[in-house]
Amino acid sequence: LSLGMVIWGVTRQTGSAVLWGALVLGAVNAGVAWWMNLNPRRLLQAAH
């Protein structure tokens, strides 16, 4: 969804609000991936 928002924000004549949303969503995703990287077993244990 974030990648789609970036593509849409760059190719269309929209304001920068779409790109701000894509940046926030991408940063949250990166933060969750970093959190998962700290202890990947935690994710598997929660799923189990």
All heavy atoms as atom14 arrays in JSON, in Angstrom:
{
  "sequence": "LSLGMVIWGVTRQTGSAVLWGALVLGAVNAGVAWWMNLNPRRLLQAAH",
  "atom14_mask": [
    [1, 1, 1, 1, 1, 1, 1, 1, 0, 0, 0, 0, 0, 0],
    [1, 1, 1, 1, 1, 1, 0, 0, 0, 0, 0, 0, 0, 0],
    [1, 1, 1, 1, 1, 1, 1, 1, 0, 0, 0, 0, 0, 0],
    [1, 1, 1, 1, 0, 0, 0, 0, 0, 0, 0, 0, 0, 0],
    [1, 1, 1, 1, 1, 1, 1, 1, 0, 0, 0, 0, 0, 0],
    [1, 1, 1, 1, 1, 1, 1, 0, 0, 0, 0, 0, 0, 0],
    [1, 1, 1, 1, 1, 1, 1, 1, 0, 0, 0, 0, 0, 0],
    [1, 1, 1, 1, 1, 1, 1, 1, 1, 1, 1, 1, 1, 1],
    [1, 1, 1, 1, 0, 0, 0, 0, 0, 0, 0, 0, 0, 0],
    [1, 1, 1, 1, 1, 1, 1, 0, 0, 0, 0, 0, 0, 0],
    [1, 1, 1, 1, 1, 1, 1, 0, 0, 0, 0, 0, 0, 0],
    [1, 1, 1, 1, 1, 1, 1, 1, 1, 1, 1, 0, 0, 0],
    [1, 1, 1, 1, 1, 1, 1, 1, 1, 0, 0, 0, 0, 0],
    [1, 1, 1, 1, 1, 1, 1, 0, 0, 0, 0, 0, 0, 0],
    [1, 1, 1, 1, 0, 0, 0, 0, 0, 0, 0, 0, 0, 0],
    [1, 1, 1, 1, 1, 1, 0, 0, 0, 0, 0, 0, 0, 0],
    [1, 1, 1, 1, 1, 0, 0, 0, 0, 0, 0, 0, 0, 0],
    [1, 1, 1, 1, 1, 1, 1, 0, 0, 0, 0, 0, 0, 0],
    [1, 1, 1, 1, 1, 1, 1, 1, 0, 0, 0, 0, 0, 0],
    [1, 1, 1, 1, 1, 1, 1, 1, 1, 1, 1, 1, 1, 1],
    [1, 1, 1, 1, 0, 0, 0, 0, 0, 0, 0, 0, 0, 0],
    [1, 1, 1, 1, 1, 0, 0, 0, 0, 0, 0, 0, 0, 0],
    [1, 1, 1, 1, 1, 1, 1, 1, 0, 0, 0, 0, 0, 0],
    [1, 1, 1, 1, 1, 1, 1, 0, 0, 0, 0, 0, 0, 0],
    [1, 1, 1, 1, 1, 1, 1, 1, 0, 0, 0, 0, 0, 0],
    [1, 1, 1, 1, 0, 0, 0, 0, 0, 0, 0, 0, 0, 0],
    [1, 1, 1, 1, 1, 0, 0, 0, 0, 0, 0, 0, 0, 0],
    [1, 1, 1, 1, 1, 1, 1, 0, 0, 0, 0, 0, 0, 0],
    [1, 1, 1, 1, 1, 1, 1, 1, 0, 0, 0, 0, 0, 0],
    [1, 1, 1, 1, 1, 0, 0, 0, 0, 0, 0, 0, 0, 0],
    [1, 1, 1, 1, 0, 0, 0, 0, 0, 0, 0, 0, 0, 0],
    [1, 1, 1, 1, 1, 1, 1, 0, 0, 0, 0, 0, 0, 0],
    [1, 1, 1, 1, 1, 0, 0, 0, 0, 0, 0, 0, 0, 0],
    [1, 1, 1, 1, 1, 1, 1, 1, 1, 1, 1, 1, 1, 1],
    [1, 1, 1, 1, 1, 1, 1, 1, 1, 1, 1, 1, 1, 1],
    [1, 1, 1, 1, 1, 1, 1, 1, 0, 0, 0, 0, 0, 0],
    [1, 1, 1, 1, 1, 1, 1, 1, 0, 0, 0, 0, 0, 0],
    [1, 1, 1, 1, 1, 1, 1, 1, 0, 0, 0, 0, 0, 0],
    [1, 1, 1, 1, 1, 1, 1, 1, 0, 0, 0, 0, 0, 0],
    [1, 1, 1, 1, 1, 1, 1, 0, 0, 0, 0, 0, 0, 0],
    [1, 1, 1, 1, 1, 1, 1, 1, 1, 1, 1, 0, 0, 0],
    [1, 1, 1, 1, 1, 1, 1, 1, 1, 1, 1, 0, 0, 0],
    [1, 1, 1, 1, 1, 1, 1, 1, 0, 0, 0, 0, 0, 0],
    [1, 1, 1, 1, 1, 1, 1, 1, 0, 0, 0, 0, 0, 0],
    [1, 1, 1, 1, 1, 1, 1, 1, 1, 0, 0, 0, 0, 0],
    [1, 1, 1, 1, 1, 0, 0, 0, 0, 0, 0, 0, 0, 0],
    [1, 1, 1, 1, 1, 0, 0, 0, 0, 0, 0, 0, 0, 0],
    [1, 1, 1, 1, 1, 1, 1, 1, 1, 1, 0, 0, 0, 0]
  ],
  "atom14_positions": [
    [[0.84, -1.2, 0.0], [0.0, 0.0, 0.0], [0.88, 1.25, 0.0], [0.61, 2.22, -0.73], [-0.93, 0.0, 1.21], [-1.85, 1.2, 1.36], [-2.84, 1.26, 0.2], [-2.57, 1.14, 2.68], [0.0, 0.0, 0.0], [0.0, 0.0, 0.0], [0.0, 0.0, 0.0], [0.0, 0.0, 0.0], [0.0, 0.0, 0.0], [0.0, 0.0, 0.0]],
    [[1.93, 1.25, 0.8], [2.84, 2.39, 0.84], [3.54, 2.58, -0.51], [3.69, 3.71, -0.98], [3.87, 2.18, 1.95], [4.79, 3.24, 1.97], [0.0, 0.0, 0.0], [0.0, 0.0, 0.0], [0.0, 0.0, 0.0], [0.0, 0.0, 0.0], [0.0, 0.0, 0.0], [0.0, 0.0, 0.0], [0.0, 0.0, 0.0], [0.0, 0.0, 0.0]],
    [[3.97, 1.49, -1.13], [4.59, 1.58, -2.44], [3.61, 2.13, -3.48], [3.97, 2.97, -4.31], [5.12, 0.21, -2.87], [5.85, 0.16, -4.21], [7.1, 1.02, -4.16], [6.17, -1.27, -4.57], [0.0, 0.0, 0.0], [0.0, 0.0, 0.0], [0.0, 0.0, 0.0], [0.0, 0.0, 0.0], [0.0, 0.0, 0.0], [0.0, 0.0, 0.0]],
    [[2.37, 1.68, -3.42], [1.34, 2.21, -4.32], [1.09, 3.69, -4.1], [0.89, 4.44, -5.06], [0.0, 0.0, 0.0], [0.0, 0.0, 0.0], [0.0, 0.0, 0.0], [0.0, 0.0, 0.0], [0.0, 0.0, 0.0], [0.0, 0.0, 0.0], [0.0, 0.0, 0.0], [0.0, 0.0, 0.0], [0.0, 0.0, 0.0], [0.0, 0.0, 0.0]],
    [[1.12, 4.11, -2.84], [0.94, 5.54, -2.55], [2.1, 6.36, -3.1], [1.89, 7.48, -3.6], [0.79, 5.75, -1.05], [-0.52, 5.24, -0.49], [-0.59, 5.23, 1.31], [-0.62, 6.97, 1.67], [0.0, 0.0, 0.0], [0.0, 0.0, 0.0], [0.0, 0.0, 0.0], [0.0, 0.0, 0.0], [0.0, 0.0, 0.0], [0.0, 0.0, 0.0]],
    [[3.31, 5.83, -3.02], [4.47, 6.54, -3.57], [4.32, 6.68, -5.08], [4.52, 7.76, -5.65], [5.79, 5.83, -3.2], [6.95, 6.38, -4.01], [6.06, 5.96, -1.73], [0.0, 0.0, 0.0], [0.0, 0.0, 0.0], [0.0, 0.0, 0.0], [0.0, 0.0, 0.0], [0.0, 0.0, 0.0], [0.0, 0.0, 0.0], [0.0, 0.0, 0.0]],
    [[3.97, 5.59, -5.73], [3.81, 5.63, -7.19], [2.71, 6.6, -7.59], [2.86, 7.38, -8.53], [3.56, 4.21, -7.73], [4.81, 3.36, -7.56], [3.12, 4.25, -9.19], [4.6, 1.89, -7.86], [0.0, 0.0, 0.0], [0.0, 0.0, 0.0], [0.0, 0.0, 0.0], [0.0, 0.0, 0.0], [0.0, 0.0, 0.0], [0.0, 0.0, 0.0]],
    [[1.6, 6.55, -6.85], [0.5, 7.44, -7.16], [0.88, 8.9, -6.91], [0.57, 9.79, -7.69], [-0.72, 7.06, -6.34], [-1.96, 7.83, -6.68], [-2.25, 8.44, -7.86], [-3.06, 8.09, -5.83], [-3.47, 9.04, -7.79], [-3.99, 8.84, -6.56], [-3.36, 7.74, -4.54], [-5.19, 9.25, -6.02], [-4.56, 8.16, -4.0], [-5.46, 8.9, -4.74]],
    [[1.57, 9.16, -5.82], [1.96, 10.53, -5.48], [2.97, 11.12, -6.45], [2.99, 12.32, -6.68], [0.0, 0.0, 0.0], [0.0, 0.0, 0.0], [0.0, 0.0, 0.0], [0.0, 0.0, 0.0], [0.0, 0.0, 0.0], [0.0, 0.0, 0.0], [0.0, 0.0, 0.0], [0.0, 0.0, 0.0], [0.0, 0.0, 0.0], [0.0, 0.0, 0.0]],
    [[3.81, 10.26, -7.03], [4.82, 10.75, -7.96], [4.25, 10.94, -9.36], [4.59, 11.9, -10.06], [6.03, 9.79, -7.97], [6.99, 10.1, -9.1], [6.76, 9.85, -6.65], [0.0, 0.0, 0.0], [0.0, 0.0, 0.0], [0.0, 0.0, 0.0], [0.0, 0.0, 0.0], [0.0, 0.0, 0.0], [0.0, 0.0, 0.0], [0.0, 0.0, 0.0]],
    [[3.38, 10.04, -9.8], [2.88, 10.1, -11.17], [1.69, 11.04, -11.35], [1.44, 11.49, -12.46], [2.48, 8.7, -11.67], [1.47, 8.18, -10.8], [3.67, 7.78, -11.69], [0.0, 0.0, 0.0], [0.0, 0.0, 0.0], [0.0, 0.0, 0.0], [0.0, 0.0, 0.0], [0.0, 0.0, 0.0], [0.0, 0.0, 0.0], [0.0, 0.0, 0.0]],
    [[0.97, 11.33, -10.31], [-0.21, 12.21, -10.42], [0.14, 13.62, -9.95], [1.09, 13.83, -9.22], [-1.36, 11.68, -9.57], [-1.74, 10.26, -9.86], [-2.77, 10.2, -10.97], [-3.33, 8.86, -11.07], [-3.02, 8.03, -12.04], [-2.17, 8.38, -12.96], [-3.55, 6.83, -12.09], [0.0, 0.0, 0.0], [0.0, 0.0, 0.0], [0.0, 0.0, 0.0]],
    [[-0.66, 14.55, -10.34], [-0.5, 15.94, -9.9], [-1.29, 16.15, -8.61], [-2.28, 16.87, -8.57], [-1.0, 16.9, -10.99], [-0.15, 16.96, -12.21], [1.23, 17.53, -11.91], [1.41, 18.28, -10.97], [2.2, 17.14, -12.71], [0.0, 0.0, 0.0], [0.0, 0.0, 0.0], [0.0, 0.0, 0.0], [0.0, 0.0, 0.0], [0.0, 0.0, 0.0]],
    [[-0.86, 15.47, -7.57], [-1.51, 15.62, -6.27], [-0.59, 16.41, -5.35], [0.56, 16.68, -5.68], [-1.78, 14.24, -5.64], [-0.53, 13.57, -5.46], [-2.67, 13.39, -6.5], [0.0, 0.0, 0.0], [0.0, 0.0, 0.0], [0.0, 0.0, 0.0], [0.0, 0.0, 0.0], [0.0, 0.0, 0.0], [0.0, 0.0, 0.0], [0.0, 0.0, 0.0]],
    [[-1.11, 16.74, -4.22], [-0.27, 17.4, -3.23], [0.69, 16.41, -2.59], [0.76, 15.23, -2.97], [0.0, 0.0, 0.0], [0.0, 0.0, 0.0], [0.0, 0.0, 0.0], [0.0, 0.0, 0.0], [0.0, 0.0, 0.0], [0.0, 0.0, 0.0], [0.0, 0.0, 0.0], [0.0, 0.0, 0.0], [0.0, 0.0, 0.0], [0.0, 0.0, 0.0]],
    [[1.41, 16.88, -1.63], [2.39, 16.01, -0.99], [1.77, 15.18, 0.15], [2.48, 14.39, 0.77], [3.55, 16.83, -0.44], [3.08, 17.74, 0.52], [0.0, 0.0, 0.0], [0.0, 0.0, 0.0], [0.0, 0.0, 0.0], [0.0, 0.0, 0.0], [0.0, 0.0, 0.0], [0.0, 0.0, 0.0], [0.0, 0.0, 0.0], [0.0, 0.0, 0.0]],
    [[0.47, 15.32, 0.39], [-0.17, 14.59, 1.49], [-0.11, 13.09, 1.27], [0.06, 12.32, 2.22], [-1.61, 15.04, 1.64], [0.0, 0.0, 0.0], [0.0, 0.0, 0.0], [0.0, 0.0, 0.0], [0.0, 0.0, 0.0], [0.0, 0.0, 0.0], [0.0, 0.0, 0.0], [0.0, 0.0, 0.0], [0.0, 0.0, 0.0], [0.0, 0.0, 0.0]],
    [[-0.25, 12.65, 0.03], [-0.18, 11.21, -0.27], [1.21, 10.68, 0.07], [1.36, 9.6, 0.64], [-0.54, 10.95, -1.74], [-0.34, 9.49, -2.1], [-1.96, 11.37, -2.03], [0.0, 0.0, 0.0], [0.0, 0.0, 0.0], [0.0, 0.0, 0.0], [0.0, 0.0, 0.0], [0.0, 0.0, 0.0], [0.0, 0.0, 0.0], [0.0, 0.0, 0.0]],
    [[2.23, 11.46, -0.25], [3.6, 11.03, 0.02], [3.91, 11.08, 1.52], [4.7, 10.26, 2.01], [4.59, 11.87, -0.77], [4.53, 11.64, -2.28], [5.41, 12.64, -3.0], [4.93, 10.23, -2.62], [0.0, 0.0, 0.0], [0.0, 0.0, 0.0], [0.0, 0.0, 0.0], [0.0, 0.0, 0.0], [0.0, 0.0, 0.0], [0.0, 0.0, 0.0]],
    [[3.32, 12.03, 2.23], [3.5, 12.04, 3.68], [2.91, 10.77, 4.29], [3.49, 10.15, 5.18], [2.83, 13.26, 4.3], [3.65, 14.5, 4.26], [3.42, 15.59, 3.47], [4.82, 14.8, 5.02], [4.38, 16.53, 3.69], [5.25, 16.08, 4.64], [5.54, 14.1, 5.97], [6.38, 16.67, 5.19], [6.66, 14.69, 6.52], [7.07, 15.96, 6.13]],
    [[1.73, 10.37, 3.81], [1.11, 9.14, 4.29], [1.95, 7.92, 3.96], [2.1, 7.0, 4.77], [0.0, 0.0, 0.0], [0.0, 0.0, 0.0], [0.0, 0.0, 0.0], [0.0, 0.0, 0.0], [0.0, 0.0, 0.0], [0.0, 0.0, 0.0], [0.0, 0.0, 0.0], [0.0, 0.0, 0.0], [0.0, 0.0, 0.0], [0.0, 0.0, 0.0]],
    [[2.51, 7.9, 2.75], [3.37, 6.78, 2.36], [4.63, 6.73, 3.23], [5.08, 5.64, 3.61], [3.75, 6.91, 0.89], [0.0, 0.0, 0.0], [0.0, 0.0, 0.0], [0.0, 0.0, 0.0], [0.0, 0.0, 0.0], [0.0, 0.0, 0.0], [0.0, 0.0, 0.0], [0.0, 0.0, 0.0], [0.0, 0.0, 0.0], [0.0, 0.0, 0.0]],
    [[5.16, 7.88, 3.57], [6.34, 7.92, 4.42], [6.03, 7.42, 5.82], [6.79, 6.62, 6.39], [6.91, 9.35, 4.48], [8.1, 9.55, 5.41], [9.27, 8.69, 4.97], [8.49, 11.01, 5.45], [0.0, 0.0, 0.0], [0.0, 0.0, 0.0], [0.0, 0.0, 0.0], [0.0, 0.0, 0.0], [0.0, 0.0, 0.0], [0.0, 0.0, 0.0]],
    [[4.92, 7.83, 6.38], [4.54, 7.38, 7.72], [4.29, 5.87, 7.71], [4.77, 5.15, 8.59], [3.3, 8.14, 8.23], [2.72, 7.51, 9.47], [3.65, 9.59, 8.48], [0.0, 0.0, 0.0], [0.0, 0.0, 0.0], [0.0, 0.0, 0.0], [0.0, 0.0, 0.0], [0.0, 0.0, 0.0], [0.0, 0.0, 0.0], [0.0, 0.0, 0.0]],
    [[3.58, 5.39, 6.73], [3.3, 3.96, 6.64], [4.58, 3.15, 6.43], [4.77, 2.1, 7.04], [2.31, 3.71, 5.5], [1.6, 2.36, 5.46], [0.87, 2.09, 6.76], [0.63, 2.35, 4.29], [0.0, 0.0, 0.0], [0.0, 0.0, 0.0], [0.0, 0.0, 0.0], [0.0, 0.0, 0.0], [0.0, 0.0, 0.0], [0.0, 0.0, 0.0]],
    [[5.47, 3.64, 5.59], [6.74, 2.97, 5.38], [7.61, 2.97, 6.63], [8.27, 1.98, 6.94], [0.0, 0.0, 0.0], [0.0, 0.0, 0.0], [0.0, 0.0, 0.0], [0.0, 0.0, 0.0], [0.0, 0.0, 0.0], [0.0, 0.0, 0.0], [0.0, 0.0, 0.0], [0.0, 0.0, 0.0], [0.0, 0.0, 0.0], [0.0, 0.0, 0.0]],
    [[7.6, 4.07, 7.37], [8.39, 4.14, 8.61], [7.83, 3.19, 9.66], [8.6, 2.54, 10.39], [8.41, 5.56, 9.14], [0.0, 0.0, 0.0], [0.0, 0.0, 0.0], [0.0, 0.0, 0.0], [0.0, 0.0, 0.0], [0.0, 0.0, 0.0], [0.0, 0.0, 0.0], [0.0, 0.0, 0.0], [0.0, 0.0, 0.0], [0.0, 0.0, 0.0]],
    [[6.52, 3.09, 9.76], [5.92, 2.15, 10.72], [6.27, 0.71, 10.33], [6.62, -0.11, 11.18], [4.39, 2.37, 10.81], [3.72, 1.23, 11.55], [4.09, 3.69, 11.47], [0.0, 0.0, 0.0], [0.0, 0.0, 0.0], [0.0, 0.0, 0.0], [0.0, 0.0, 0.0], [0.0, 0.0, 0.0], [0.0, 0.0, 0.0], [0.0, 0.0, 0.0]],
    [[6.2, 0.4, 9.03], [6.57, -0.94, 8.58], [8.03, -1.24, 8.88], [8.37, -2.35, 9.31], [6.33, -1.09, 7.07], [4.89, -1.3, 6.75], [4.12, -1.75, 7.58], [4.52, -0.99, 5.53], [0.0, 0.0, 0.0], [0.0, 0.0, 0.0], [0.0, 0.0, 0.0], [0.0, 0.0, 0.0], [0.0, 0.0, 0.0], [0.0, 0.0, 0.0]],
    [[8.9, -0.28, 8.65], [10.33, -0.48, 8.93], [10.55, -0.67, 10.43], [11.37, -1.5, 10.84], [11.13, 0.71, 8.42], [0.0, 0.0, 0.0], [0.0, 0.0, 0.0], [0.0, 0.0, 0.0], [0.0, 0.0, 0.0], [0.0, 0.0, 0.0], [0.0, 0.0, 0.0], [0.0, 0.0, 0.0], [0.0, 0.0, 0.0], [0.0, 0.0, 0.0]],
    [[9.81, 0.07, 11.25], [9.92, -0.1, 12.7], [9.46, -1.47, 13.17], [10.09, -2.09, 14.02], [0.0, 0.0, 0.0], [0.0, 0.0, 0.0], [0.0, 0.0, 0.0], [0.0, 0.0, 0.0], [0.0, 0.0, 0.0], [0.0, 0.0, 0.0], [0.0, 0.0, 0.0], [0.0, 0.0, 0.0], [0.0, 0.0, 0.0], [0.0, 0.0, 0.0]],
    [[8.39, -1.97, 12.59], [7.91, -3.31, 12.95], [8.9, -4.37, 12.49], [9.16, -5.33, 13.21], [6.5, -3.55, 12.37], [6.09, -4.99, 12.51], [5.49, -2.64, 13.05], [0.0, 0.0, 0.0], [0.0, 0.0, 0.0], [0.0, 0.0, 0.0], [0.0, 0.0, 0.0], [0.0, 0.0, 0.0], [0.0, 0.0, 0.0], [0.0, 0.0, 0.0]],
    [[9.47, -4.2, 11.31], [10.48, -5.15, 10.83], [11.72, -5.13, 11.72], [12.3, -6.19, 12.02], [10.86, -4.84, 9.38], [0.0, 0.0, 0.0], [0.0, 0.0, 0.0], [0.0, 0.0, 0.0], [0.0, 0.0, 0.0], [0.0, 0.0, 0.0], [0.0, 0.0, 0.0], [0.0, 0.0, 0.0], [0.0, 0.0, 0.0], [0.0, 0.0, 0.0]],
    [[12.11, -3.96, 12.16], [13.25, -3.86, 13.08], [12.93, -4.53, 14.4], [13.75, -5.24, 14.97], [13.6, -2.39, 13.29], [14.66, -2.18, 14.33], [16.0, -2.35, 14.19], [14.44, -1.78, 15.69], [16.64, -2.07, 15.37], [15.7, -1.72, 16.31], [13.3, -1.46, 16.42], [15.84, -1.35, 17.63], [13.46, -1.11, 17.74], [14.72, -1.05, 18.33]],
    [[11.71, -4.34, 14.92], [11.29, -4.96, 16.16], [11.28, -6.48, 16.02], [11.69, -7.2, 16.93], [9.9, -4.44, 16.55], [9.39, -5.04, 17.81], [9.71, -4.7, 19.09], [8.45, -6.11, 17.92], [9.02, -5.47, 19.98], [8.24, -6.35, 19.29], [7.75, -6.86, 16.99], [7.37, -7.32, 19.75], [6.9, -7.84, 17.44], [6.72, -8.06, 18.81]],
    [[10.82, -6.98, 14.87], [10.84, -8.42, 14.64], [12.27, -8.94, 14.57], [12.55, -10.07, 14.96], [10.11, -8.77, 13.34], [8.63, -8.64, 13.44], [7.67, -9.01, 11.95], [8.82, -9.4, 10.71], [0.0, 0.0, 0.0], [0.0, 0.0, 0.0], [0.0, 0.0, 0.0], [0.0, 0.0, 0.0], [0.0, 0.0, 0.0], [0.0, 0.0, 0.0]],
    [[13.19, -8.14, 14.08], [14.58, -8.55, 13.95], [15.26, -8.67, 15.31], [16.22, -9.42, 15.45], [15.34, -7.56, 13.07], [16.7, -8.07, 12.68], [16.92, -9.27, 12.57], [17.62, -7.16, 12.48], [0.0, 0.0, 0.0], [0.0, 0.0, 0.0], [0.0, 0.0, 0.0], [0.0, 0.0, 0.0], [0.0, 0.0, 0.0], [0.0, 0.0, 0.0]],
    [[14.77, -7.96, 16.31], [15.37, -8.04, 17.64], [15.25, -9.44, 18.22], [16.19, -9.96, 18.81], [14.72, -7.03, 18.59], [15.0, -5.56, 18.29], [14.22, -4.7, 19.27], [16.47, -5.27, 18.38], [0.0, 0.0, 0.0], [0.0, 0.0, 0.0], [0.0, 0.0, 0.0], [0.0, 0.0, 0.0], [0.0, 0.0, 0.0], [0.0, 0.0, 0.0]],
    [[14.1, -10.06, 18.09], [13.88, -11.41, 18.59], [12.86, -12.11, 17.69], [11.66, -12.06, 17.96], [13.38, -11.36, 20.04], [13.29, -12.73, 20.66], [13.64, -13.73, 20.05], [12.78, -12.77, 21.88], [0.0, 0.0, 0.0], [0.0, 0.0, 0.0], [0.0, 0.0, 0.0], [0.0, 0.0, 0.0], [0.0, 0.0, 0.0], [0.0, 0.0, 0.0]],
    [[13.3, -12.77, 16.63], [12.35, -13.38, 15.71], [11.57, -14.54, 16.32], [10.46, -14.83, 15.89], [13.22, -13.87, 14.55], [14.62, -13.69, 14.93], [14.67, -12.87, 16.16], [0.0, 0.0, 0.0], [0.0, 0.0, 0.0], [0.0, 0.0, 0.0], [0.0, 0.0, 0.0], [0.0, 0.0, 0.0], [0.0, 0.0, 0.0], [0.0, 0.0, 0.0]],
    [[12.12, -15.17, 17.33], [11.4, -16.28, 17.98], [10.13, -15.78, 18.67], [9.17, -16.53, 18.81], [12.3, -16.96, 19.0], [13.49, -17.58, 18.38], [13.28, -19.05, 18.22], [14.43, -19.63, 17.57], [14.33, -20.4, 16.52], [13.17, -20.64, 16.0], [15.4, -20.9, 15.97], [0.0, 0.0, 0.0], [0.0, 0.0, 0.0], [0.0, 0.0, 0.0]],
    [[10.13, -14.54, 19.11], [8.96, -13.96, 19.78], [7.75, -14.0, 18.85], [6.65, -14.31, 19.26], [9.29, -12.53, 20.2], [8.15, -11.75, 20.73], [8.55, -10.37, 21.17], [9.56, -9.77, 20.3], [10.4, -8.84, 20.68], [10.38, -8.4, 21.91], [11.26, -8.33, 19.83], [0.0, 0.0, 0.0], [0.0, 0.0, 0.0], [0.0, 0.0, 0.0]],
    [[7.98, -13.74, 17.58], [6.9, -13.75, 16.6], [6.37, -15.17, 16.42], [5.16, -15.39, 16.37], [7.41, -13.19, 15.27], [6.4, -13.01, 14.16], [5.41, -11.93, 14.54], [7.1, -12.66, 12.88], [0.0, 0.0, 0.0], [0.0, 0.0, 0.0], [0.0, 0.0, 0.0], [0.0, 0.0, 0.0], [0.0, 0.0, 0.0], [0.0, 0.0, 0.0]],
    [[7.27, -16.14, 16.33], [6.84, -17.52, 16.16], [6.15, -18.05, 17.41], [5.18, -18.81, 17.32], [8.04, -18.41, 15.81], [8.68, -18.13, 14.46], [9.87, -19.03, 14.25], [7.68, -18.28, 13.34], [0.0, 0.0, 0.0], [0.0, 0.0, 0.0], [0.0, 0.0, 0.0], [0.0, 0.0, 0.0], [0.0, 0.0, 0.0], [0.0, 0.0, 0.0]],
    [[6.63, -17.66, 18.59], [5.99, -18.1, 19.83], [4.6, -17.51, 19.97], [3.67, -18.2, 20.41], [6.85, -17.73, 21.02], [8.12, -18.53, 21.12], [9.08, -17.97, 22.15], [8.85, -16.91, 22.72], [10.18, -18.68, 22.37], [0.0, 0.0, 0.0], [0.0, 0.0, 0.0], [0.0, 0.0, 0.0], [0.0, 0.0, 0.0], [0.0, 0.0, 0.0]],
    [[4.43, -16.26, 19.57], [3.1, -15.64, 19.63], [2.14, -16.33, 18.66], [0.98, -16.55, 18.99], [3.21, -14.16, 19.32], [0.0, 0.0, 0.0], [0.0, 0.0, 0.0], [0.0, 0.0, 0.0], [0.0, 0.0, 0.0], [0.0, 0.0, 0.0], [0.0, 0.0, 0.0], [0.0, 0.0, 0.0], [0.0, 0.0, 0.0], [0.0, 0.0, 0.0]],
    [[2.63, -16.68, 17.48], [1.79, -17.37, 16.51], [1.45, -18.78, 17.01], [0.34, -19.27, 16.82], [2.48, -17.45, 15.17], [0.0, 0.0, 0.0], [0.0, 0.0, 0.0], [0.0, 0.0, 0.0], [0.0, 0.0, 0.0], [0.0, 0.0, 0.0], [0.0, 0.0, 0.0], [0.0, 0.0, 0.0], [0.0, 0.0, 0.0], [0.0, 0.0, 0.0]],
    [[2.41, -19.41, 17.66], [2.17, -20.76, 18.19], [1.16, -20.73, 19.33], [0.3, -21.6, 19.42], [3.49, -21.37, 18.66], [3.35, -22.78, 19.13], [3.05, -23.81, 18.27], [3.46, -23.32, 20.37], [2.98, -24.94, 18.97], [3.22, -24.66, 20.24], [0.0, 0.0, 0.0], [0.0, 0.0, 0.0], [0.0, 0.0, 0.0], [0.0, 0.0, 0.0]]
  ]
}
